[in-house]
């Protein structure tokens, strides 16, 4: 999407629980030439700046230290300049990885046209997906434990609970893509009517 002076700037943050299809949704948007910014990239950027290798231990330590320094909105604070830079080339930006309520409230203040798009799948479907993924597969018990940890420790429930839009992603990728396209059209229309 090319940016024009008259274009409304739109930020769409994809939220949902592990295995719901957030990455698949971001992949769809990326394939339609809408820039996707990953919150997790900040960990890679930060470790590179510190000249540390990308390991699970270093990544966890970096995340914890960043949140101790900047609070639960840390990743939103870090991604804000990247969003502004992306608006130079596109009027719409997709965010992958917004977790906490604090991240949402920080970015909503900076970008009034921030919309939360929740991708939902039933736990049994999500756990099945997580058990068969290639990188760090989880058994159902581990997946359930991760769900609880993300809700309790990362304040993840708030953005999901107040999402502006909800898309069910129980099985069919073609149906998911159609719903994503329709939702994008609706968000664009609603933004221009504001």
C-alpha atoms as a PDB file:
ATOM      1  CA  UNK A   1       0.000   0.000   0.000  1.00  0.00           C
ATOM      2  CA  UNK A   2       1.524   3.255  -1.097  1.00  0.00           C
ATOM      3  CA  UNK A   3       1.363   6.150   1.271  1.00  0.00           C
ATOM      4  CA  UNK A   4      -0.228   9.390   0.119  1.00  0.00           C
ATOM      5  CA  UNK A   5      -0.623  12.623   2.054  1.00  0.00           C
ATOM      6  CA  UNK A   6      -4.373  12.021   2.299  1.00  0.00           C
ATOM      7  CA  UNK A   7      -4.082   8.421   3.486  1.00  0.00           C
ATOM      8  CA  UNK A   8      -5.153   7.613   7.020  1.00  0.00           C
ATOM      9  CA  UNK A   9      -2.414   5.896   9.001  1.00  0.00           C
ATOM     10  CA  UNK A  10      -3.638   2.518  10.277  1.00  0.00           C
ATOM     11  CA  UNK A  11      -1.970   0.124  12.709  1.00  0.00           C
ATOM     12  CA  UNK A  12      -3.412  -3.377  13.043  1.00  0.00           C
ATOM     13  CA  UNK A  13      -2.047  -5.440  15.930  1.00  0.00           C
ATOM     14  CA  UNK A  14      -2.620  -9.172  15.627  1.00  0.00           C
ATOM     15  CA  UNK A  15      -3.359 -10.722  19.028  1.00  0.00           C
ATOM     16  CA  UNK A  16      -4.316 -14.185  20.197  1.00  0.00           C
ATOM     17  CA  UNK A  17      -3.078 -17.206  22.070  1.00  0.00           C
ATOM     18  CA  UNK A  18      -0.243 -19.481  20.896  1.00  0.00           C
ATOM     19  CA  UNK A  19      -1.228 -21.651  17.948  1.00  0.00           C
ATOM     20  CA  UNK A  20      -4.250 -19.548  16.975  1.00  0.00           C
ATOM     21  CA  UNK A  21      -2.753 -18.514  13.630  1.00  0.00           C
ATOM     22  CA  UNK A  22      -1.220 -15.101  14.304  1.00  0.00           C
ATOM     23  CA  UNK A  23       1.905 -15.848  12.249  1.00  0.00           C
ATOM     24  CA  UNK A  24      -0.205 -17.267   9.424  1.00  0.00           C
ATOM     25  CA  UNK A  25      -2.292 -14.084   9.444  1.00  0.00           C
ATOM     26  CA  UNK A  26       0.818 -11.893   9.374  1.00  0.00           C
ATOM     27  CA  UNK A  27       2.153 -13.974   6.501  1.00  0.00           C
ATOM     28  CA  UNK A  28      -1.058 -13.284   4.570  1.00  0.00           C
ATOM     29  CA  UNK A  29      -0.670  -9.523   5.070  1.00  0.00           C
ATOM     30  CA  UNK A  30       3.019  -9.629   4.147  1.00  0.00           C
ATOM     31  CA  UNK A  31       2.112 -11.472   0.938  1.00  0.00           C
ATOM     32  CA  UNK A  32      -0.257  -8.603   0.054  1.00  0.00           C
ATOM     33  CA  UNK A  33       2.634  -6.113   0.446  1.00  0.00           C
ATOM     34  CA  UNK A  34       1.537  -4.699   3.792  1.00  0.00           C
ATOM     35  CA  UNK A  35       4.556  -4.249   6.085  1.00  0.00           C
ATOM     36  CA  UNK A  36       4.614  -6.507   9.136  1.00  0.00           C
ATOM     37  CA  UNK A  37       6.676  -5.503  12.166  1.00  0.00           C
ATOM     38  CA  UNK A  38       7.484  -8.152  14.761  1.00  0.00           C
ATOM     39  CA  UNK A  39       7.811  -7.115  18.396  1.00  0.00           C
ATOM     40  CA  UNK A  40      10.218 -10.040  18.871  1.00  0.00           C
ATOM     41  CA  UNK A  41      12.678  -8.513  16.409  1.00  0.00           C
ATOM     42  CA  UNK A  42      13.639  -6.078  19.166  1.00  0.00           C
ATOM     43  CA  UNK A  43      15.203  -8.945  21.078  1.00  0.00           C
ATOM     44  CA  UNK A  44      17.347  -9.799  18.045  1.00  0.00           C
ATOM     45  CA  UNK A  45      18.245  -6.114  17.562  1.00  0.00           C
ATOM     46  CA  UNK A  46      19.099  -5.680  21.250  1.00  0.00           C
ATOM     47  CA  UNK A  47      21.293  -8.771  21.421  1.00  0.00           C
ATOM     48  CA  UNK A  48      23.132  -7.711  18.276  1.00  0.00           C
ATOM     49  CA  UNK A  49      23.773  -4.273  19.827  1.00  0.00           C
ATOM     50  CA  UNK A  50      25.139  -6.044  22.932  1.00  0.00           C
ATOM     51  CA  UNK A  51      27.235  -8.337  20.723  1.00  0.00           C
ATOM     52  CA  UNK A  52      25.592 -11.422  22.268  1.00  0.00           C
ATOM     53  CA  UNK A  53      24.606 -14.587  20.410  1.00  0.00           C
ATOM     54  CA  UNK A  54      20.948 -15.457  19.828  1.00  0.00           C
ATOM     55  CA  UNK A  55      20.326 -18.150  22.419  1.00  0.00           C
ATOM     56  CA  UNK A  56      17.209 -18.923  24.428  1.00  0.00           C
ATOM     57  CA  UNK A  57      18.984 -17.874  27.644  1.00  0.00           C
ATOM     58  CA  UNK A  58      20.205 -14.556  26.190  1.00  0.00           C
ATOM     59  CA  UNK A  59      16.808 -13.832  24.643  1.00  0.00           C
ATOM     60  CA  UNK A  60      14.967 -14.421  27.925  1.00  0.00           C
ATOM     61  CA  UNK A  61      17.518 -12.336  29.856  1.00  0.00           C
ATOM     62  CA  UNK A  62      17.226  -9.478  27.363  1.00  0.00           C
ATOM     63  CA  UNK A  63      13.401  -9.495  27.527  1.00  0.00           C
ATOM     64  CA  UNK A  64      13.405  -9.524  31.328  1.00  0.00           C
ATOM     65  CA  UNK A  65      16.001  -6.749  31.575  1.00  0.00           C
ATOM     66  CA  UNK A  66      14.188  -4.591  29.021  1.00  0.00           C
ATOM     67  CA  UNK A  67      10.908  -4.907  30.929  1.00  0.00           C
ATOM     68  CA  UNK A  68      12.652  -4.163  34.231  1.00  0.00           C
ATOM     69  CA  UNK A  69      14.093  -1.002  32.670  1.00  0.00           C
ATOM     70  CA  UNK A  70      11.041   0.251  30.717  1.00  0.00           C
ATOM     71  CA  UNK A  71       8.086  -1.614  32.256  1.00  0.00           C
ATOM     72  CA  UNK A  72       5.537  -3.852  30.566  1.00  0.00           C
ATOM     73  CA  UNK A  73       5.212  -1.395  27.658  1.00  0.00           C
ATOM     74  CA  UNK A  74       8.915  -1.867  26.802  1.00  0.00           C
ATOM     75  CA  UNK A  75       8.433  -3.542  23.442  1.00  0.00           C
ATOM     76  CA  UNK A  76       5.840  -0.954  22.385  1.00  0.00           C
ATOM     77  CA  UNK A  77       8.248   1.835  23.306  1.00  0.00           C
ATOM     78  CA  UNK A  78      10.946   0.183  21.211  1.00  0.00           C
ATOM     79  CA  UNK A  79       8.708  -0.514  18.192  1.00  0.00           C
ATOM     80  CA  UNK A  80       7.184   2.990  18.022  1.00  0.00           C
ATOM     81  CA  UNK A  81      10.030   4.521  15.912  1.00  0.00           C
ATOM     82  CA  UNK A  82       9.879   1.548  13.538  1.00  0.00           C
ATOM     83  CA  UNK A  83       6.135   2.101  13.038  1.00  0.00           C
ATOM     84  CA  UNK A  84       6.696   5.795  12.265  1.00  0.00           C
ATOM     85  CA  UNK A  85       9.476   4.923   9.804  1.00  0.00           C
ATOM     86  CA  UNK A  86       7.249   2.351   8.071  1.00  0.00           C
ATOM     87  CA  UNK A  87       4.522   4.973   7.631  1.00  0.00           C
ATOM     88  CA  UNK A  88       6.921   6.709   5.230  1.00  0.00           C
ATOM     89  CA  UNK A  89       6.300   3.893   2.733  1.00  0.00           C
ATOM     90  CA  UNK A  90       2.891   2.520   3.730  1.00  0.00           C
ATOM     91  CA  UNK A  91      -0.331   3.851   5.223  1.00  0.00           C
ATOM     92  CA  UNK A  92      -0.997   0.503   6.953  1.00  0.00           C
ATOM     93  CA  UNK A  93       1.276  -1.386   9.341  1.00  0.00           C
ATOM     94  CA  UNK A  94       0.662  -4.826  10.831  1.00  0.00           C
ATOM     95  CA  UNK A  95       2.097  -5.625  14.266  1.00  0.00           C
ATOM     96  CA  UNK A  96       2.947  -9.198  15.186  1.00  0.00           C
ATOM     97  CA  UNK A  97       3.543  -9.921  18.846  1.00  0.00           C
ATOM     98  CA  UNK A  98       1.680  -7.279  20.865  1.00  0.00           C
ATOM     99  CA  UNK A  99       1.114  -9.030  24.181  1.00  0.00           C
ATOM    100  CA  UNK A 100       0.507  -6.812  27.157  1.00  0.00           C
ATOM    101  CA  UNK A 101      -2.220  -4.389  28.104  1.00  0.00           C
ATOM    102  CA  UNK A 102       0.514  -1.816  28.720  1.00  0.00           C
ATOM    103  CA  UNK A 103       1.858  -2.228  25.176  1.00  0.00           C
ATOM    104  CA  UNK A 104      -1.641  -1.684  23.821  1.00  0.00           C
ATOM    105  CA  UNK A 105      -2.407   1.427  25.887  1.00  0.00           C
ATOM    106  CA  UNK A 106       0.990   2.964  25.065  1.00  0.00           C
ATOM    107  CA  UNK A 107       0.557   2.469  21.311  1.00  0.00           C
ATOM    108  CA  UNK A 108      -3.130   3.437  21.281  1.00  0.00           C
ATOM    109  CA  UNK A 109      -2.180   6.845  22.686  1.00  0.00           C
ATOM    110  CA  UNK A 110       0.471   7.305  19.980  1.00  0.00           C
ATOM    111  CA  UNK A 111      -1.574   5.858  17.110  1.00  0.00           C
ATOM    112  CA  UNK A 112      -5.323   6.531  17.487  1.00  0.00           C
ATOM    113  CA  UNK A 113      -6.067   4.340  14.450  1.00  0.00           C
ATOM    114  CA  UNK A 114      -4.700   1.255  16.216  1.00  0.00           C
ATOM    115  CA  UNK A 115      -6.997  -1.733  15.848  1.00  0.00           C
ATOM    116  CA  UNK A 116      -6.709  -5.052  17.654  1.00  0.00           C
ATOM    117  CA  UNK A 117      -7.439  -8.082  15.484  1.00  0.00           C
ATOM    118  CA  UNK A 118      -7.774 -11.254  17.539  1.00  0.00           C
ATOM    119  CA  UNK A 119      -7.175 -14.574  15.821  1.00  0.00           C
ATOM    120  CA  UNK A 120      -9.022 -17.285  17.742  1.00  0.00           C
ATOM    121  CA  UNK A 121      -8.936 -21.061  17.674  1.00  0.00           C
ATOM    122  CA  UNK A 122     -10.290 -23.474  20.269  1.00  0.00           C
ATOM    123  CA  UNK A 123      -7.626 -24.685  22.734  1.00  0.00           C
ATOM    124  CA  UNK A 124      -7.773 -28.280  21.454  1.00  0.00           C
ATOM    125  CA  UNK A 125      -7.029 -27.075  17.903  1.00  0.00           C
ATOM    126  CA  UNK A 126      -4.254 -24.749  19.072  1.00  0.00           C
ATOM    127  CA  UNK A 127      -2.641 -27.474  21.165  1.00  0.00           C
ATOM    128  CA  UNK A 128      -2.724 -29.885  18.230  1.00  0.00           C
ATOM    129  CA  UNK A 129      -1.002 -27.267  16.047  1.00  0.00           C
ATOM    130  CA  UNK A 130       1.611 -26.565  18.708  1.00  0.00           C
ATOM    131  CA  UNK A 131       2.375 -30.276  19.089  1.00  0.00           C
ATOM    132  CA  UNK A 132       3.234 -30.623  15.381  1.00  0.00           C
ATOM    133  CA  UNK A 133       5.187 -27.438  14.730  1.00  0.00           C
ATOM    134  CA  UNK A 134       8.816 -27.818  13.669  1.00  0.00           C
ATOM    135  CA  UNK A 135      10.381 -25.346  16.108  1.00  0.00           C
ATOM    136  CA  UNK A 136       9.864 -25.965  19.827  1.00  0.00           C
ATOM    137  CA  UNK A 137       6.825 -28.282  19.671  1.00  0.00           C
ATOM    138  CA  UNK A 138       4.733 -28.497  22.851  1.00  0.00           C
ATOM    139  CA  UNK A 139       2.581 -31.277  24.246  1.00  0.00           C
ATOM    140  CA  UNK A 140      -0.915 -30.256  25.402  1.00  0.00           C
ATOM    141  CA  UNK A 141       0.097 -29.923  29.061  1.00  0.00           C
ATOM    142  CA  UNK A 142       3.018 -27.616  28.142  1.00  0.00           C
ATOM    143  CA  UNK A 143       0.782 -25.573  25.820  1.00  0.00           C
ATOM    144  CA  UNK A 144      -1.811 -25.108  28.570  1.00  0.00           C
ATOM    145  CA  UNK A 145       0.905 -24.054  30.996  1.00  0.00           C
ATOM    146  CA  UNK A 146       2.204 -21.532  28.453  1.00  0.00           C
ATOM    147  CA  UNK A 147      -1.305 -20.107  28.000  1.00  0.00           C
ATOM    148  CA  UNK A 148      -1.633 -19.519  31.722  1.00  0.00           C
ATOM    149  CA  UNK A 149       1.870 -18.028  32.030  1.00  0.00           C
ATOM    150  CA  UNK A 150       1.235 -15.579  29.178  1.00  0.00           C
ATOM    151  CA  UNK A 151      -2.059 -14.446  30.692  1.00  0.00           C
ATOM    152  CA  UNK A 152      -0.699 -14.121  34.239  1.00  0.00           C
ATOM    153  CA  UNK A 153       2.824 -12.841  33.579  1.00  0.00           C
ATOM    154  CA  UNK A 154       2.495 -10.843  30.362  1.00  0.00           C
ATOM    155  CA  UNK A 155      -0.958  -9.286  30.882  1.00  0.00           C
ATOM    156  CA  UNK A 156      -1.983 -10.817  27.555  1.00  0.00           C
ATOM    157  CA  UNK A 157      -5.692 -11.193  28.294  1.00  0.00           C
ATOM    158  CA  UNK A 158      -6.638  -7.512  28.087  1.00  0.00           C
ATOM    159  CA  UNK A 159      -5.854  -6.880  24.407  1.00  0.00           C
ATOM    160  CA  UNK A 160      -7.555 -10.153  23.454  1.00  0.00           C
ATOM    161  CA  UNK A 161     -10.638  -9.335  25.536  1.00  0.00           C
ATOM    162  CA  UNK A 162     -11.162  -5.898  23.979  1.00  0.00           C
ATOM    163  CA  UNK A 163     -10.128  -6.762  20.430  1.00  0.00           C
ATOM    164  CA  UNK A 164     -11.919  -4.675  17.817  1.00  0.00           C
ATOM    165  CA  UNK A 165     -12.270  -7.681  15.516  1.00  0.00           C
ATOM    166  CA  UNK A 166     -12.256 -11.443  16.002  1.00  0.00           C
ATOM    167  CA  UNK A 167     -11.559 -14.052  13.363  1.00  0.00           C
ATOM    168  CA  UNK A 168     -12.047 -17.753  14.060  1.00  0.00           C
ATOM    169  CA  UNK A 169      -9.296 -19.880  12.576  1.00  0.00           C
ATOM    170  CA  UNK A 170     -10.261 -23.439  13.312  1.00  0.00           C
ATOM    171  CA  UNK A 171      -9.192 -25.203  10.111  1.00  0.00           C
ATOM    172  CA  UNK A 172      -9.329 -23.686   6.620  1.00  0.00           C
ATOM    173  CA  UNK A 173      -6.483 -21.332   5.557  1.00  0.00           C
ATOM    174  CA  UNK A 174      -8.424 -20.100   2.494  1.00  0.00           C
ATOM    175  CA  UNK A 175     -11.334 -19.077   4.742  1.00  0.00           C
ATOM    176  CA  UNK A 176      -8.905 -17.366   7.110  1.00  0.00           C
ATOM    177  CA  UNK A 177      -7.362 -15.387   4.241  1.00  0.00           C
ATOM    178  CA  UNK A 178     -10.820 -14.330   2.996  1.00  0.00           C
ATOM    179  CA  UNK A 179     -11.782 -13.152   6.501  1.00  0.00           C
ATOM    180  CA  UNK A 180      -8.493 -11.248   6.813  1.00  0.00           C
ATOM    181  CA  UNK A 181      -9.079  -9.506   3.469  1.00  0.00           C
ATOM    182  CA  UNK A 182     -12.648  -8.591   4.443  1.00  0.00           C
ATOM    183  CA  UNK A 183     -11.553  -7.313   7.862  1.00  0.00           C
ATOM    184  CA  UNK A 184      -8.815  -5.169   6.308  1.00  0.00           C
ATOM    185  CA  UNK A 185     -11.374  -3.569   3.973  1.00  0.00           C
ATOM    186  CA  UNK A 186     -13.687  -2.881   6.916  1.00  0.00           C
ATOM    187  CA  UNK A 187     -10.901  -1.377   9.048  1.00  0.00           C
ATOM    188  CA  UNK A 188      -9.792   0.844   6.154  1.00  0.00           C
ATOM    189  CA  UNK A 189     -13.349   2.048   5.579  1.00  0.00           C
ATOM    190  CA  UNK A 190     -13.991   2.701   9.280  1.00  0.00           C
ATOM    191  CA  UNK A 191     -10.699   4.617   9.597  1.00  0.00           C
ATOM    192  CA  UNK A 192     -11.574   6.911   6.733  1.00  0.00           C
ATOM    193  CA  UNK A 193     -15.040   7.596   8.181  1.00  0.00           C
ATOM    194  CA  UNK A 194     -13.618   8.786  11.526  1.00  0.00           C
END
